[in-house]
């Protein structure tokens, strides 16, 4: 794993954590928690494996 990838990943995690804390303080938990759940479901959907298409065209 290249060092730049690791550093970029670390910066992204810290930035998203800071943004989450800021959103909690600004908007409150009742708004932020559903948004976080929607993001988690979207990420889960985006990472699901796709079955190979073995059919004939």
N, C-alpha and C. Protein backbone atom coordinates (compact mmCIF):
# COMPACT_ATOMS: atom_id res chain seq x y z
N UNK A 1 0.86 -1.18 0.00
CA UNK A 1 0.00 0.00 0.00
C UNK A 1 0.90 1.24 0.00
N UNK A 2 0.74 2.08 -0.97
CA UNK A 2 1.57 3.29 -1.01
C UNK A 2 1.28 4.21 0.17
N UNK A 3 2.28 4.96 0.56
CA UNK A 3 2.14 5.86 1.70
C UNK A 3 1.11 6.95 1.40
N UNK A 4 1.07 7.44 0.17
CA UNK A 4 0.11 8.49 -0.16
C UNK A 4 -1.33 8.00 -0.02
N UNK A 5 -1.57 6.73 -0.36
CA UNK A 5 -2.92 6.17 -0.19
C UNK A 5 -3.29 6.12 1.29
N UNK A 6 -2.35 5.69 2.12
CA UNK A 6 -2.60 5.59 3.55
C UNK A 6 -2.85 6.96 4.16
N UNK A 7 -2.06 7.94 3.77
CA UNK A 7 -2.23 9.30 4.28
C UNK A 7 -3.55 9.89 3.82
N UNK A 8 -3.90 9.67 2.57
CA UNK A 8 -5.18 10.17 2.06
C UNK A 8 -6.35 9.53 2.79
N UNK A 9 -6.26 8.24 3.05
CA UNK A 9 -7.31 7.55 3.80
C UNK A 9 -7.43 8.10 5.21
N UNK A 10 -6.31 8.34 5.86
CA UNK A 10 -6.32 8.89 7.21
C UNK A 10 -6.91 10.29 7.24
N UNK A 11 -6.56 11.13 6.28
CA UNK A 11 -7.11 12.48 6.21
C UNK A 11 -8.62 12.43 5.95
N UNK A 12 -9.06 11.52 5.09
CA UNK A 12 -10.49 11.40 4.79
C UNK A 12 -11.27 10.96 6.03
N UNK A 13 -10.72 10.02 6.78
CA UNK A 13 -11.40 9.55 7.99
C UNK A 13 -11.47 10.66 9.03
N UNK A 14 -10.39 11.39 9.23
CA UNK A 14 -10.40 12.48 10.20
C UNK A 14 -11.34 13.61 9.77
N UNK A 15 -11.36 13.92 8.48
CA UNK A 15 -12.26 14.96 7.99
C UNK A 15 -13.72 14.56 8.14
N UNK A 16 -14.03 13.30 7.84
CA UNK A 16 -15.42 12.87 7.98
C UNK A 16 -15.84 12.82 9.44
N UNK A 17 -14.93 12.46 10.33
CA UNK A 17 -15.25 12.47 11.76
C UNK A 17 -15.49 13.90 12.24
N UNK A 18 -14.65 14.82 11.81
CA UNK A 18 -14.85 16.22 12.18
C UNK A 18 -16.13 16.80 11.62
N UNK A 19 -16.46 16.44 10.39
CA UNK A 19 -17.70 16.90 9.78
C UNK A 19 -18.92 16.33 10.51
N UNK A 20 -18.82 15.10 10.95
CA UNK A 20 -19.91 14.48 11.70
C UNK A 20 -20.12 15.17 13.04
N UNK A 21 -19.04 15.45 13.74
CA UNK A 21 -19.15 16.15 15.02
C UNK A 21 -19.73 17.54 14.82
N UNK A 22 -19.27 18.24 13.78
CA UNK A 22 -19.82 19.57 13.50
C UNK A 22 -21.31 19.49 13.20
N UNK A 23 -21.73 18.48 12.42
CA UNK A 23 -23.15 18.34 12.07
C UNK A 23 -23.97 18.05 13.31
N UNK A 24 -23.46 17.20 14.21
CA UNK A 24 -24.17 16.93 15.46
C UNK A 24 -24.36 18.20 16.27
N UNK A 25 -23.32 19.01 16.35
CA UNK A 25 -23.41 20.24 17.14
C UNK A 25 -24.30 21.27 16.47
N UNK A 26 -24.33 21.30 15.15
CA UNK A 26 -25.11 22.31 14.44
C UNK A 26 -26.57 21.93 14.28
N UNK A 27 -26.84 20.69 13.87
CA UNK A 27 -28.19 20.29 13.51
C UNK A 27 -28.86 19.39 14.52
N UNK A 28 -28.11 18.75 15.38
CA UNK A 28 -28.70 17.85 16.37
C UNK A 28 -28.76 16.42 15.87
N UNK A 29 -28.92 15.52 16.81
CA UNK A 29 -28.88 14.10 16.51
C UNK A 29 -30.07 13.63 15.68
N UNK A 30 -31.23 14.27 15.87
CA UNK A 30 -32.43 13.80 15.15
C UNK A 30 -32.33 14.03 13.64
N UNK A 31 -31.47 14.91 13.21
CA UNK A 31 -31.27 15.13 11.78
C UNK A 31 -30.08 14.34 11.26
N UNK A 32 -29.01 14.26 12.05
CA UNK A 32 -27.77 13.67 11.58
C UNK A 32 -27.84 12.14 11.54
N UNK A 33 -28.47 11.52 12.52
CA UNK A 33 -28.52 10.05 12.56
C UNK A 33 -29.22 9.46 11.34
N UNK A 34 -30.38 9.97 10.92
CA UNK A 34 -30.97 9.43 9.68
C UNK A 34 -30.09 9.65 8.44
N UNK A 35 -29.39 10.78 8.38
CA UNK A 35 -28.47 11.01 7.27
C UNK A 35 -27.32 10.00 7.27
N UNK A 36 -26.77 9.72 8.46
CA UNK A 36 -25.69 8.74 8.56
C UNK A 36 -26.18 7.34 8.19
N UNK A 37 -27.39 7.00 8.61
CA UNK A 37 -27.96 5.70 8.25
C UNK A 37 -28.18 5.59 6.74
N UNK A 38 -28.64 6.66 6.12
CA UNK A 38 -28.84 6.65 4.67
C UNK A 38 -27.50 6.50 3.95
N UNK A 39 -26.47 7.18 4.42
CA UNK A 39 -25.14 7.04 3.82
C UNK A 39 -24.60 5.62 3.99
N UNK A 40 -24.83 5.02 5.16
CA UNK A 40 -24.36 3.66 5.38
C UNK A 40 -25.09 2.67 4.47
N UNK A 41 -26.39 2.85 4.30
CA UNK A 41 -27.14 1.97 3.41
C UNK A 41 -26.71 2.15 1.95
N UNK A 42 -26.44 3.39 1.55
CA UNK A 42 -25.97 3.63 0.19
C UNK A 42 -24.60 3.00 -0.04
N UNK A 43 -23.71 3.10 0.95
CA UNK A 43 -22.39 2.49 0.83
C UNK A 43 -22.49 0.98 0.78
N UNK A 44 -23.39 0.41 1.58
CA UNK A 44 -23.59 -1.04 1.57
C UNK A 44 -24.12 -1.50 0.22
N UNK A 45 -25.06 -0.74 -0.33
CA UNK A 45 -25.61 -1.08 -1.64
C UNK A 45 -24.55 -0.97 -2.73
N UNK A 46 -23.70 0.05 -2.64
CA UNK A 46 -22.68 0.27 -3.66
C UNK A 46 -21.59 -0.80 -3.63
N UNK A 47 -21.38 -1.43 -2.49
CA UNK A 47 -20.30 -2.42 -2.36
C UNK A 47 -20.77 -3.86 -2.50
N UNK A 48 -22.06 -4.07 -2.79
CA UNK A 48 -22.54 -5.45 -2.96
C UNK A 48 -21.97 -6.04 -4.24
N UNK A 49 -21.62 -7.30 -4.19
CA UNK A 49 -21.07 -7.92 -5.41
C UNK A 49 -22.15 -8.07 -6.47
N UNK A 50 -21.73 -7.96 -7.70
CA UNK A 50 -22.63 -8.09 -8.84
C UNK A 50 -22.42 -9.48 -9.44
N UNK A 51 -23.51 -10.19 -9.66
CA UNK A 51 -23.40 -11.52 -10.25
C UNK A 51 -22.92 -11.41 -11.70
N UNK A 52 -22.06 -12.30 -12.11
CA UNK A 52 -21.59 -12.24 -13.50
C UNK A 52 -22.70 -12.57 -14.48
N UNK A 53 -22.68 -11.93 -15.62
CA UNK A 53 -23.67 -12.15 -16.64
C UNK A 53 -23.11 -13.18 -17.64
N UNK A 54 -23.55 -14.43 -17.52
CA UNK A 54 -23.04 -15.47 -18.39
C UNK A 54 -23.96 -15.75 -19.57
N UNK A 55 -24.98 -14.93 -19.73
CA UNK A 55 -25.92 -15.14 -20.83
C UNK A 55 -25.35 -14.73 -22.16
N UNK A 56 -25.98 -15.21 -23.22
CA UNK A 56 -25.55 -14.85 -24.57
C UNK A 56 -26.19 -13.53 -24.97
N UNK A 57 -25.44 -12.74 -25.73
CA UNK A 57 -25.94 -11.44 -26.16
C UNK A 57 -26.92 -11.58 -27.31
